[in-house]
Amino acid sequence: MDEDCQERKRCVLVCQNTSCRAAGSPDVLAAFEAADLPEDVIVKI
């Protein structure tokens, strides 16, 4: 697991594999990046 995620209480990992991208993961990633998330939440790809 990513070091940044291990140090945080909450980590959102958004798949960017070809099949995930075809299923809409770029939209999911954009929504999380645009959201007003709490300080302890990190979004990673």
PDB file of N, CA and C in Angstrom:
ATOM      1  N   MET A   1       0.847  -1.182   0.000  1.00  0.00           N
ATOM      2  CA  MET A   1       0.000   0.000   0.000  1.00  0.00           C
ATOM      3  C   MET A   1       0.888   1.239   0.000  1.00  0.00           C
ATOM      4  N   ASP A   2       0.397   2.285  -0.563  1.00  0.00           N
ATOM      5  CA  ASP A   2       1.095   3.556  -0.675  1.00  0.00           C
ATOM      6  C   ASP A   2       1.392   4.132   0.710  1.00  0.00           C
ATOM      7  N   GLU A   3       2.579   4.707   0.882  1.00  0.00           N
ATOM      8  CA  GLU A   3       2.974   5.269   2.184  1.00  0.00           C
ATOM      9  C   GLU A   3       2.034   6.376   2.636  1.00  0.00           C
ATOM     10  N   ASP A   4       1.603   7.249   1.709  1.00  0.00           N
ATOM     11  CA  ASP A   4       0.680   8.319   2.074  1.00  0.00           C
ATOM     12  C   ASP A   4      -0.618   7.748   2.630  1.00  0.00           C
ATOM     13  N   CYS A   5      -1.089   6.659   2.044  1.00  0.00           N
ATOM     14  CA  CYS A   5      -2.336   6.054   2.493  1.00  0.00           C
ATOM     15  C   CYS A   5      -2.168   5.369   3.843  1.00  0.00           C
ATOM     16  N   GLN A   6      -1.021   4.810   4.113  1.00  0.00           N
ATOM     17  CA  GLN A   6      -0.794   4.149   5.393  1.00  0.00           C
ATOM     18  C   GLN A   6      -0.811   5.152   6.536  1.00  0.00           C
ATOM     19  N   GLU A   7      -0.381   6.372   6.284  1.00  0.00           N
ATOM     20  CA  GLU A   7      -0.331   7.399   7.323  1.00  0.00           C
ATOM     21  C   GLU A   7      -1.684   8.067   7.541  1.00  0.00           C
ATOM     22  N   ARG A   8      -2.585   7.926   6.619  1.00  0.00           N
ATOM     23  CA  ARG A   8      -3.899   8.572   6.708  1.00  0.00           C
ATOM     24  C   ARG A   8      -4.938   7.599   7.249  1.00  0.00           C
ATOM     25  N   LYS A   9      -5.997   8.151   7.819  1.00  0.00           N
ATOM     26  CA  LYS A   9      -7.085   7.309   8.287  1.00  0.00           C
ATOM     27  C   LYS A   9      -7.957   6.842   7.128  1.00  0.00           C
ATOM     28  N   ARG A  10      -8.103   7.698   6.124  1.00  0.00           N
ATOM     29  CA  ARG A  10      -8.965   7.350   4.990  1.00  0.00           C
ATOM     30  C   ARG A  10      -8.254   7.676   3.684  1.00  0.00           C
ATOM     31  N   CYS A  11      -8.228   6.693   2.798  1.00  0.00           N
ATOM     32  CA  CYS A  11      -7.563   6.842   1.513  1.00  0.00           C
ATOM     33  C   CYS A  11      -8.473   6.266   0.434  1.00  0.00           C
ATOM     34  N   VAL A  12      -8.711   7.034  -0.616  1.00  0.00           N
ATOM     35  CA  VAL A  12      -9.524   6.578  -1.738  1.00  0.00           C
ATOM     36  C   VAL A  12      -8.584   6.333  -2.908  1.00  0.00           C
ATOM     37  N   LEU A  13      -8.547   5.088  -3.369  1.00  0.00           N
ATOM     38  CA  LEU A  13      -7.729   4.723  -4.519  1.00  0.00           C
ATOM     39  C   LEU A  13      -8.655   4.554  -5.716  1.00  0.00           C
ATOM     40  N   VAL A  14      -8.401   5.306  -6.789  1.00  0.00           N
ATOM     41  CA  VAL A  14      -9.244   5.243  -7.982  1.00  0.00           C
ATOM     42  C   VAL A  14      -8.440   4.602  -9.104  1.00  0.00           C
ATOM     43  N   CYS A  15      -8.888   3.451  -9.545  1.00  0.00           N
ATOM     44  CA  CYS A  15      -8.213   2.678 -10.592  1.00  0.00           C
ATOM     45  C   CYS A  15      -8.162   3.478 -11.899  1.00  0.00           C
ATOM     46  N   GLN A  16      -7.015   3.437 -12.562  1.00  0.00           N
ATOM     47  CA  GLN A  16      -6.878   4.098 -13.858  1.00  0.00           C
ATOM     48  C   GLN A  16      -6.407   3.107 -14.924  1.00  0.00           C
ATOM     49  N   ASN A  17      -6.654   1.812 -14.680  1.00  0.00           N
ATOM     50  CA  ASN A  17      -6.375   0.778 -15.661  1.00  0.00           C
ATOM     51  C   ASN A  17      -7.273   1.009 -16.880  1.00  0.00           C
ATOM     52  N   THR A  18      -6.913   0.455 -18.004  1.00  0.00           N
ATOM     53  CA  THR A  18      -7.683   0.642 -19.237  1.00  0.00           C
ATOM     54  C   THR A  18      -9.146   0.263 -19.060  1.00  0.00           C
ATOM     55  N   SER A  19      -9.417  -0.882 -18.443  1.00  0.00           N
ATOM     56  CA  SER A  19     -10.810  -1.313 -18.261  1.00  0.00           C
ATOM     57  C   SER A  19     -11.549  -0.407 -17.277  1.00  0.00           C
ATOM     58  N   CYS A  20     -10.869   0.065 -16.248  1.00  0.00           N
ATOM     59  CA  CYS A  20     -11.485   0.990 -15.287  1.00  0.00           C
ATOM     60  C   CYS A  20     -11.808   2.318 -15.965  1.00  0.00           C
ATOM     61  N   ARG A  21     -10.884   2.789 -16.771  1.00  0.00           N
ATOM     62  CA  ARG A  21     -11.104   4.049 -17.479  1.00  0.00           C
ATOM     63  C   ARG A  21     -12.302   3.935 -18.417  1.00  0.00           C
ATOM     64  N   ALA A  22     -12.424   2.794 -19.093  1.00  0.00           N
ATOM     65  CA  ALA A  22     -13.555   2.573 -19.995  1.00  0.00           C
ATOM     66  C   ALA A  22     -14.880   2.530 -19.232  1.00  0.00           C
ATOM     67  N   ALA A  23     -14.827   2.122 -17.970  1.00  0.00           N
ATOM     68  CA  ALA A  23     -16.028   2.020 -17.141  1.00  0.00           C
ATOM     69  C   ALA A  23     -16.363   3.324 -16.421  1.00  0.00           C
ATOM     70  N   GLY A  24     -15.554   4.371 -16.623  1.00  0.00           N
ATOM     71  CA  GLY A  24     -15.889   5.676 -16.066  1.00  0.00           C
ATOM     72  C   GLY A  24     -15.042   6.161 -14.912  1.00  0.00           C
ATOM     73  N   SER A  25     -13.909   5.537 -14.658  1.00  0.00           N
ATOM     74  CA  SER A  25     -13.093   5.968 -13.518  1.00  0.00           C
ATOM     75  C   SER A  25     -12.581   7.407 -13.621  1.00  0.00           C
ATOM     76  N   PRO A  26     -12.349   7.960 -14.824  1.00  0.00           N
ATOM     77  CA  PRO A  26     -11.940   9.370 -14.860  1.00  0.00           C
ATOM     78  C   PRO A  26     -13.000  10.307 -14.267  1.00  0.00           C
ATOM     79  N   ASP A  27     -14.278   9.977 -14.470  1.00  0.00           N
ATOM     80  CA  ASP A  27     -15.349  10.791 -13.889  1.00  0.00           C
ATOM     81  C   ASP A  27     -15.381  10.661 -12.371  1.00  0.00           C
ATOM     82  N   VAL A  28     -15.144   9.451 -11.881  1.00  0.00           N
ATOM     83  CA  VAL A  28     -15.106   9.219 -10.433  1.00  0.00           C
ATOM     84  C   VAL A  28     -13.949   9.997  -9.817  1.00  0.00           C
ATOM     85  N   LEU A  29     -12.785   9.923 -10.456  1.00  0.00           N
ATOM     86  CA  LEU A  29     -11.612  10.646  -9.968  1.00  0.00           C
ATOM     87  C   LEU A  29     -11.876  12.148  -9.955  1.00  0.00           C
ATOM     88  N   ALA A  30     -12.450  12.667 -11.014  1.00  0.00           N
ATOM     89  CA  ALA A  30     -12.747  14.101 -11.090  1.00  0.00           C
ATOM     90  C   ALA A  30     -13.716  14.523  -9.990  1.00  0.00           C
ATOM     91  N   ALA A  31     -14.699  13.688  -9.700  1.00  0.00           N
ATOM     92  CA  ALA A  31     -15.668  14.011  -8.649  1.00  0.00           C
ATOM     93  C   ALA A  31     -14.998  14.066  -7.279  1.00  0.00           C
ATOM     94  N   PHE A  32     -14.129  13.106  -6.994  1.00  0.00           N
ATOM     95  CA  PHE A  32     -13.418  13.121  -5.715  1.00  0.00           C
ATOM     96  C   PHE A  32     -12.467  14.310  -5.628  1.00  0.00           C
ATOM     97  N   GLU A  33     -11.779  14.631  -6.712  1.00  0.00           N
ATOM     98  CA  GLU A  33     -10.842  15.759  -6.698  1.00  0.00           C
ATOM     99  C   GLU A  33     -11.563  17.089  -6.536  1.00  0.00           C
ATOM    100  N   ALA A  34     -12.790  17.181  -7.039  1.00  0.00           N
ATOM    101  CA  ALA A  34     -13.560  18.421  -6.937  1.00  0.00           C
ATOM    102  C   ALA A  34     -14.300  18.542  -5.602  1.00  0.00           C
ATOM    103  N   ALA A  35     -14.454  17.437  -4.902  1.00  0.00           N
ATOM    104  CA  ALA A  35     -15.222  17.423  -3.654  1.00  0.00           C
ATOM    105  C   ALA A  35     -14.465  18.119  -2.526  1.00  0.00           C
ATOM    106  N   ASP A  36     -15.229  18.662  -1.601  1.00  0.00           N
ATOM    107  CA  ASP A  36     -14.665  19.280  -0.400  1.00  0.00           C
ATOM    108  C   ASP A  36     -14.527  18.186   0.657  1.00  0.00           C
ATOM    109  N   LEU A  37     -13.414  17.475   0.608  1.00  0.00           N
ATOM    110  CA  LEU A  37     -13.193  16.330   1.487  1.00  0.00           C
ATOM    111  C   LEU A  37     -12.531  16.765   2.793  1.00  0.00           C
ATOM    112  N   PRO A  38     -12.754  16.001   3.862  1.00  0.00           N
ATOM    113  CA  PRO A  38     -12.076  16.295   5.128  1.00  0.00           C
ATOM    114  C   PRO A  38     -10.560  16.208   4.972  1.00  0.00           C
ATOM    115  N   GLU A  39      -9.849  16.859   5.855  1.00  0.00           N
ATOM    116  CA  GLU A  39      -8.386  16.913   5.806  1.00  0.00           C
ATOM    117  C   GLU A  39      -7.721  15.540   5.852  1.00  0.00           C
ATOM    118  N   ASP A  40      -8.361  14.581   6.520  1.00  0.00           N
ATOM    119  CA  ASP A  40      -7.726  13.273   6.678  1.00  0.00           C
ATOM    120  C   ASP A  40      -8.002  12.311   5.522  1.00  0.00           C
ATOM    121  N   VAL A  41      -8.614  12.798   4.449  1.00  0.00           N
ATOM    122  CA  VAL A  41      -8.907  11.964   3.281  1.00  0.00           C
ATOM    123  C   VAL A  41      -7.951  12.332   2.157  1.00  0.00           C
ATOM    124  N   ILE A  42      -7.351  11.313   1.556  1.00  0.00           N
ATOM    125  CA  ILE A  42      -6.455  11.519   0.429  1.00  0.00           C
ATOM    126  C   ILE A  42      -6.987  10.702  -0.746  1.00  0.00           C
ATOM    127  N   VAL A  43      -6.926  11.270  -1.946  1.00  0.00           N
ATOM    128  CA  VAL A  43      -7.361  10.591  -3.166  1.00  0.00           C
ATOM    129  C   VAL A  43      -6.130  10.329  -4.010  1.00  0.00           C
ATOM    130  N   LYS A  44      -5.939   9.075  -4.389  1.00  0.00           N
ATOM    131  CA  LYS A  44      -4.766   8.673  -5.175  1.00  0.00           C
ATOM    132  C   LYS A  44      -5.218   7.882  -6.393  1.00  0.00           C
ATOM    133  N   ILE A  45      -4.376   7.908  -7.424  1.00  0.00           N
ATOM    134  CA  ILE A  45      -4.635   7.056  -8.591  1.00  0.00           C
ATOM    135  C   ILE A  45      -3.634   5.938  -8.623  1.00  0.00           C
TER     136      ILE A  45
END
